[in-house]
Amino acid sequence: MSVLSFKTYCIENYAEYKNLSSSKVFENFVKSKLLNHLESDYEDLHGMGKEFLMDYFDKWFGEKKI
């Protein structure tokens, strides 16, 4: 999976998980620098399961509503 495909996968799945639009999730990934983090830590993250990633993103954002 390419880095771009991985970022798209994360955005789309997190949007579905949180019942938000993909564009809103994308904005929040950019604003919080999570999108850059996904690229810099791609090697560690891209093999993780969907449930792990959703939990990881929840922790990244903390208790804030996105």
PDB file of N, CA and C in Angstrom:
ATOM      1  N   MET A   1       0.857  -1.176   0.000  1.00  0.00           N
ATOM      2  CA  MET A   1       0.000   0.000   0.000  1.00  0.00           C
ATOM      3  C   MET A   1       0.898   1.233   0.000  1.00  0.00           C
ATOM      4  N   SER A   2       0.581   2.167  -0.862  1.00  0.00           N
ATOM      5  CA  SER A   2       1.355   3.411  -0.917  1.00  0.00           C
ATOM      6  C   SER A   2       0.983   4.305   0.271  1.00  0.00           C
ATOM      7  N   VAL A   3       1.813   5.287   0.548  1.00  0.00           N
ATOM      8  CA  VAL A   3       1.547   6.232   1.637  1.00  0.00           C
ATOM      9  C   VAL A   3       0.234   6.973   1.375  1.00  0.00           C
ATOM     10  N   LEU A   4       0.023   7.400   0.140  1.00  0.00           N
ATOM     11  CA  LEU A   4      -1.207   8.104  -0.204  1.00  0.00           C
ATOM     12  C   LEU A   4      -2.434   7.210   0.015  1.00  0.00           C
ATOM     13  N   SER A   5      -2.356   5.972  -0.408  1.00  0.00           N
ATOM     14  CA  SER A   5      -3.459   5.030  -0.207  1.00  0.00           C
ATOM     15  C   SER A   5      -3.723   4.804   1.276  1.00  0.00           C
ATOM     16  N   PHE A   6      -2.654   4.726   2.064  1.00  0.00           N
ATOM     17  CA  PHE A   6      -2.793   4.528   3.505  1.00  0.00           C
ATOM     18  C   PHE A   6      -3.482   5.734   4.150  1.00  0.00           C
ATOM     19  N   LYS A   7      -3.067   6.934   3.779  1.00  0.00           N
ATOM     20  CA  LYS A   7      -3.700   8.136   4.326  1.00  0.00           C
ATOM     21  C   LYS A   7      -5.193   8.155   3.983  1.00  0.00           C
ATOM     22  N   THR A   8      -5.508   7.834   2.737  1.00  0.00           N
ATOM     23  CA  THR A   8      -6.901   7.799   2.300  1.00  0.00           C
ATOM     24  C   THR A   8      -7.688   6.754   3.081  1.00  0.00           C
ATOM     25  N   TYR A   9      -7.106   5.593   3.251  1.00  0.00           N
ATOM     26  CA  TYR A   9      -7.728   4.514   4.027  1.00  0.00           C
ATOM     27  C   TYR A   9      -8.035   4.999   5.444  1.00  0.00           C
ATOM     28  N   CYS A  10      -7.080   5.648   6.067  1.00  0.00           N
ATOM     29  CA  CYS A  10      -7.258   6.137   7.442  1.00  0.00           C
ATOM     30  C   CYS A  10      -8.355   7.186   7.522  1.00  0.00           C
ATOM     31  N   ILE A  11      -8.346   8.133   6.605  1.00  0.00           N
ATOM     32  CA  ILE A  11      -9.358   9.196   6.605  1.00  0.00           C
ATOM     33  C   ILE A  11     -10.751   8.620   6.384  1.00  0.00           C
ATOM     34  N   GLU A  12     -10.900   7.790   5.389  1.00  0.00           N
ATOM     35  CA  GLU A  12     -12.209   7.227   5.065  1.00  0.00           C
ATOM     36  C   GLU A  12     -12.741   6.351   6.193  1.00  0.00           C
ATOM     37  N   ASN A  13     -11.890   5.526   6.769  1.00  0.00           N
ATOM     38  CA  ASN A  13     -12.339   4.640   7.836  1.00  0.00           C
ATOM     39  C   ASN A  13     -12.635   5.390   9.122  1.00  0.00           C
ATOM     40  N   TYR A  14     -11.854   6.411   9.425  1.00  0.00           N
ATOM     41  CA  TYR A  14     -12.118   7.192  10.630  1.00  0.00           C
ATOM     42  C   TYR A  14     -13.399   8.013  10.460  1.00  0.00           C
ATOM     43  N   ALA A  15     -13.643   8.503   9.266  1.00  0.00           N
ATOM     44  CA  ALA A  15     -14.880   9.236   8.987  1.00  0.00           C
ATOM     45  C   ALA A  15     -16.092   8.331   9.206  1.00  0.00           C
ATOM     46  N   GLU A  16     -16.010   7.122   8.716  1.00  0.00           N
ATOM     47  CA  GLU A  16     -17.099   6.158   8.904  1.00  0.00           C
ATOM     48  C   GLU A  16     -17.254   5.809  10.385  1.00  0.00           C
ATOM     49  N   TYR A  17     -16.154   5.576  11.060  1.00  0.00           N
ATOM     50  CA  TYR A  17     -16.136   5.218  12.481  1.00  0.00           C
ATOM     51  C   TYR A  17     -16.763   6.317  13.340  1.00  0.00           C
ATOM     52  N   LYS A  18     -16.503   7.575  12.995  1.00  0.00           N
ATOM     53  CA  LYS A  18     -17.009   8.709  13.768  1.00  0.00           C
ATOM     54  C   LYS A  18     -18.297   9.298  13.191  1.00  0.00           C
ATOM     55  N   ASN A  19     -18.763   8.726  12.087  1.00  0.00           N
ATOM     56  CA  ASN A  19     -19.960   9.215  11.413  1.00  0.00           C
ATOM     57  C   ASN A  19     -19.818  10.702  11.039  1.00  0.00           C
ATOM     58  N   LEU A  20     -18.690  11.018  10.434  1.00  0.00           N
ATOM     59  CA  LEU A  20     -18.379  12.372   9.980  1.00  0.00           C
ATOM     60  C   LEU A  20     -18.081  12.342   8.487  1.00  0.00           C
ATOM     61  N   SER A  21     -18.063  13.511   7.872  1.00  0.00           N
ATOM     62  CA  SER A  21     -17.687  13.574   6.462  1.00  0.00           C
ATOM     63  C   SER A  21     -16.172  13.382   6.334  1.00  0.00           C
ATOM     64  N   SER A  22     -15.778  12.836   5.225  1.00  0.00           N
ATOM     65  CA  SER A  22     -14.346  12.640   4.958  1.00  0.00           C
ATOM     66  C   SER A  22     -13.611  13.971   4.921  1.00  0.00           C
ATOM     67  N   SER A  23     -14.262  15.002   4.388  1.00  0.00           N
ATOM     68  CA  SER A  23     -13.606  16.310   4.308  1.00  0.00           C
ATOM     69  C   SER A  23     -13.362  16.887   5.702  1.00  0.00           C
ATOM     70  N   LYS A  24     -14.298  16.697   6.626  1.00  0.00           N
ATOM     71  CA  LYS A  24     -14.123  17.170   8.001  1.00  0.00           C
ATOM     72  C   LYS A  24     -12.972  16.416   8.679  1.00  0.00           C
ATOM     73  N   VAL A  25     -12.915  15.118   8.496  1.00  0.00           N
ATOM     74  CA  VAL A  25     -11.834  14.320   9.077  1.00  0.00           C
ATOM     75  C   VAL A  25     -10.501  14.738   8.466  1.00  0.00           C
ATOM     76  N   PHE A  26     -10.462  14.936   7.154  1.00  0.00           N
ATOM     77  CA  PHE A  26      -9.238  15.385   6.497  1.00  0.00           C
ATOM     78  C   PHE A  26      -8.754  16.704   7.098  1.00  0.00           C
ATOM     79  N   GLU A  27      -9.660  17.664   7.252  1.00  0.00           N
ATOM     80  CA  GLU A  27      -9.297  18.959   7.845  1.00  0.00           C
ATOM     81  C   GLU A  27      -8.686  18.779   9.235  1.00  0.00           C
ATOM     82  N   ASN A  28      -9.290  17.916  10.033  1.00  0.00           N
ATOM     83  CA  ASN A  28      -8.790  17.688  11.387  1.00  0.00           C
ATOM     84  C   ASN A  28      -7.464  16.931  11.391  1.00  0.00           C
ATOM     85  N   PHE A  29      -7.279  16.013  10.455  1.00  0.00           N
ATOM     86  CA  PHE A  29      -5.998  15.315  10.348  1.00  0.00           C
ATOM     87  C   PHE A  29      -4.892  16.313  10.000  1.00  0.00           C
ATOM     88  N   VAL A  30      -5.200  17.249   9.110  1.00  0.00           N
ATOM     89  CA  VAL A  30      -4.210  18.258   8.718  1.00  0.00           C
ATOM     90  C   VAL A  30      -3.932  19.203   9.885  1.00  0.00           C
ATOM     91  N   LYS A  31      -4.999  19.735  10.476  1.00  0.00           N
ATOM     92  CA  LYS A  31      -4.879  20.713  11.563  1.00  0.00           C
ATOM     93  C   LYS A  31      -4.098  20.154  12.756  1.00  0.00           C
ATOM     94  N   SER A  32      -4.315  18.886  13.066  1.00  0.00           N
ATOM     95  CA  SER A  32      -3.670  18.267  14.228  1.00  0.00           C
ATOM     96  C   SER A  32      -2.295  17.679  13.896  1.00  0.00           C
ATOM     97  N   LYS A  33      -1.905  17.785  12.626  1.00  0.00           N
ATOM     98  CA  LYS A  33      -0.639  17.239  12.125  1.00  0.00           C
ATOM     99  C   LYS A  33      -0.609  15.703  12.105  1.00  0.00           C
ATOM    100  N   LEU A  34      -1.769  15.095  12.251  1.00  0.00           N
ATOM    101  CA  LEU A  34      -1.855  13.639  12.162  1.00  0.00           C
ATOM    102  C   LEU A  34      -1.539  13.161  10.748  1.00  0.00           C
ATOM    103  N   LEU A  35      -1.929  13.923   9.741  1.00  0.00           N
ATOM    104  CA  LEU A  35      -1.658  13.513   8.367  1.00  0.00           C
ATOM    105  C   LEU A  35      -0.145  13.408   8.130  1.00  0.00           C
ATOM    106  N   ASN A  36       0.622  14.371   8.642  1.00  0.00           N
ATOM    107  CA  ASN A  36       2.084  14.302   8.529  1.00  0.00           C
ATOM    108  C   ASN A  36       2.642  13.122   9.316  1.00  0.00           C
ATOM    109  N   HIS A  37       2.062  12.876  10.475  1.00  0.00           N
ATOM    110  CA  HIS A  37       2.496  11.756  11.317  1.00  0.00           C
ATOM    111  C   HIS A  37       2.271  10.419  10.602  1.00  0.00           C
ATOM    112  N   LEU A  38       1.166  10.298   9.893  1.00  0.00           N
ATOM    113  CA  LEU A  38       0.897   9.057   9.160  1.00  0.00           C
ATOM    114  C   LEU A  38       1.973   8.798   8.117  1.00  0.00           C
ATOM    115  N   GLU A  39       2.494   9.856   7.528  1.00  0.00           N
ATOM    116  CA  GLU A  39       3.556   9.693   6.536  1.00  0.00           C
ATOM    117  C   GLU A  39       4.893   9.379   7.205  1.00  0.00           C
ATOM    118  N   SER A  40       5.220  10.115   8.249  1.00  0.00           N
ATOM    119  CA  SER A  40       6.527   9.910   8.891  1.00  0.00           C
ATOM    120  C   SER A  40       6.612   8.571   9.620  1.00  0.00           C
ATOM    121  N   ASP A  41       5.495   8.060  10.114  1.00  0.00           N
ATOM    122  CA  ASP A  41       5.491   6.768  10.812  1.00  0.00           C
ATOM    123  C   ASP A  41       4.794   5.676  10.001  1.00  0.00           C
ATOM    124  N   TYR A  42       4.775   5.863   8.714  1.00  0.00           N
ATOM    125  CA  TYR A  42       4.100   4.920   7.811  1.00  0.00           C
ATOM    126  C   TYR A  42       4.571   3.487   8.023  1.00  0.00           C
ATOM    127  N   GLU A  43       5.866   3.293   8.124  1.00  0.00           N
ATOM    128  CA  GLU A  43       6.405   1.934   8.263  1.00  0.00           C
ATOM    129  C   GLU A  43       5.861   1.224   9.499  1.00  0.00           C
ATOM    130  N   ASP A  44       5.675   1.960  10.581  1.00  0.00           N
ATOM    131  CA  ASP A  44       5.164   1.367  11.818  1.00  0.00           C
ATOM    132  C   ASP A  44       3.653   1.195  11.806  1.00  0.00           C
ATOM    133  N   LEU A  45       2.946   2.093  11.160  1.00  0.00           N
ATOM    134  CA  LEU A  45       1.485   2.116  11.258  1.00  0.00           C
ATOM    135  C   LEU A  45       0.743   1.340  10.172  1.00  0.00           C
ATOM    136  N   HIS A  46       1.299   1.241   8.978  1.00  0.00           N
ATOM    137  CA  HIS A  46       0.500   0.701   7.876  1.00  0.00           C
ATOM    138  C   HIS A  46       0.150  -0.773   8.038  1.00  0.00           C
ATOM    139  N   GLY A  47       0.852  -1.484   8.870  1.00  0.00           N
ATOM    140  CA  GLY A  47       0.541  -2.899   9.090  1.00  0.00           C
ATOM    141  C   GLY A  47      -0.420  -3.143  10.235  1.00  0.00           C
ATOM    142  N   MET A  48      -0.837  -2.080  10.898  1.00  0.00           N
ATOM    143  CA  MET A  48      -1.734  -2.220  12.042  1.00  0.00           C
ATOM    144  C   MET A  48      -3.167  -2.432  11.568  1.00  0.00           C
ATOM    145  N   GLY A  49      -3.942  -3.100  12.383  1.00  0.00           N
ATOM    146  CA  GLY A  49      -5.336  -3.368  12.051  1.00  0.00           C
ATOM    147  C   GLY A  49      -6.204  -2.128  12.188  1.00  0.00           C
ATOM    148  N   LYS A  50      -7.368  -2.204  11.601  1.00  0.00           N
ATOM    149  CA  LYS A  50      -8.310  -1.083  11.597  1.00  0.00           C
ATOM    150  C   LYS A  50      -8.694  -0.676  13.021  1.00  0.00           C
ATOM    151  N   GLU A  51      -8.998  -1.645  13.878  1.00  0.00           N
ATOM    152  CA  GLU A  51      -9.391  -1.318  15.260  1.00  0.00           C
ATOM    153  C   GLU A  51      -8.274  -0.589  15.990  1.00  0.00           C
ATOM    154  N   PHE A  52      -7.046  -1.044  15.814  1.00  0.00           N
ATOM    155  CA  PHE A  52      -5.904  -0.380  16.450  1.00  0.00           C
ATOM    156  C   PHE A  52      -5.806   1.062  15.964  1.00  0.00           C
ATOM    157  N   LEU A  53      -5.927   1.261  14.658  1.00  0.00           N
ATOM    158  CA  LEU A  53      -5.811   2.608  14.102  1.00  0.00           C
ATOM    159  C   LEU A  53      -6.912   3.539  14.611  1.00  0.00           C
ATOM    160  N   MET A  54      -8.143   3.048  14.686  1.00  0.00           N
ATOM    161  CA  MET A  54      -9.236   3.896  15.173  1.00  0.00           C
ATOM    162  C   MET A  54      -8.982   4.304  16.628  1.00  0.00           C
ATOM    163  N   ASP A  55      -8.500   3.376  17.430  1.00  0.00           N
ATOM    164  CA  ASP A  55      -8.152   3.682  18.825  1.00  0.00           C
ATOM    165  C   ASP A  55      -6.979   4.655  18.885  1.00  0.00           C
ATOM    166  N   TYR A  56      -6.001   4.467  18.030  1.00  0.00           N
ATOM    167  CA  TYR A  56      -4.829   5.346  17.958  1.00  0.00           C
ATOM    168  C   TYR A  56      -5.260   6.776  17.625  1.00  0.00           C
ATOM    169  N   PHE A  57      -6.166   6.917  16.668  1.00  0.00           N
ATOM    170  CA  PHE A  57      -6.642   8.250  16.282  1.00  0.00           C
ATOM    171  C   PHE A  57      -7.456   8.883  17.403  1.00  0.00           C
ATOM    172  N   ASP A  58      -8.282   8.080  18.059  1.00  0.00           N
ATOM    173  CA  ASP A  58      -9.033   8.598  19.210  1.00  0.00           C
ATOM    174  C   ASP A  58      -8.079   9.152  20.263  1.00  0.00           C
ATOM    175  N   LYS A  59      -7.026   8.422  20.534  1.00  0.00           N
ATOM    176  CA  LYS A  59      -6.042   8.876  21.521  1.00  0.00           C
ATOM    177  C   LYS A  59      -5.304  10.122  21.035  1.00  0.00           C
ATOM    178  N   TRP A  60      -5.021  10.186  19.748  1.00  0.00           N
ATOM    179  CA  TRP A  60      -4.350  11.355  19.162  1.00  0.00           C
ATOM    180  C   TRP A  60      -5.178  12.616  19.409  1.00  0.00           C
ATOM    181  N   PHE A  61      -6.478  12.491  19.184  1.00  0.00           N
ATOM    182  CA  PHE A  61      -7.374  13.631  19.344  1.00  0.00           C
ATOM    183  C   PHE A  61      -7.805  13.829  20.793  1.00  0.00           C
ATOM    184  N   GLY A  62      -7.560  12.849  21.631  1.00  0.00           N
ATOM    185  CA  GLY A  62      -7.958  12.967  23.032  1.00  0.00           C
ATOM    186  C   GLY A  62      -9.465  13.018  23.161  1.00  0.00           C
ATOM    187  N   GLU A  63      -9.922  13.717  24.127  1.00  0.00           N
ATOM    188  CA  GLU A  63     -11.346  13.815  24.391  1.00  0.00           C
ATOM    189  C   GLU A  63     -12.024  14.897  23.559  1.00  0.00           C
ATOM    190  N   LYS A  64     -11.236  15.627  22.753  1.00  0.00           N
ATOM    191  CA  LYS A  64     -11.808  16.684  21.919  1.00  0.00           C
ATOM    192  C   LYS A  64     -12.760  16.096  20.897  1.00  0.00           C
ATOM    193  N   LYS A  65     -13.849  16.787  20.664  1.00  0.00           N
ATOM    194  CA  LYS A  65     -14.733  16.403  19.570  1.00  0.00           C
ATOM    195  C   LYS A  65     -14.124  16.933  18.290  1.00  0.00           C
ATOM    196  N   ILE A  66     -14.071  16.095  17.281  1.00  0.00           N
ATOM    197  CA  ILE A  66     -13.551  16.587  16.012  1.00  0.00           C
ATOM    198  C   ILE A  66     -14.679  16.856  15.049  1.00  0.00           C
TER     199      ILE A  66
END
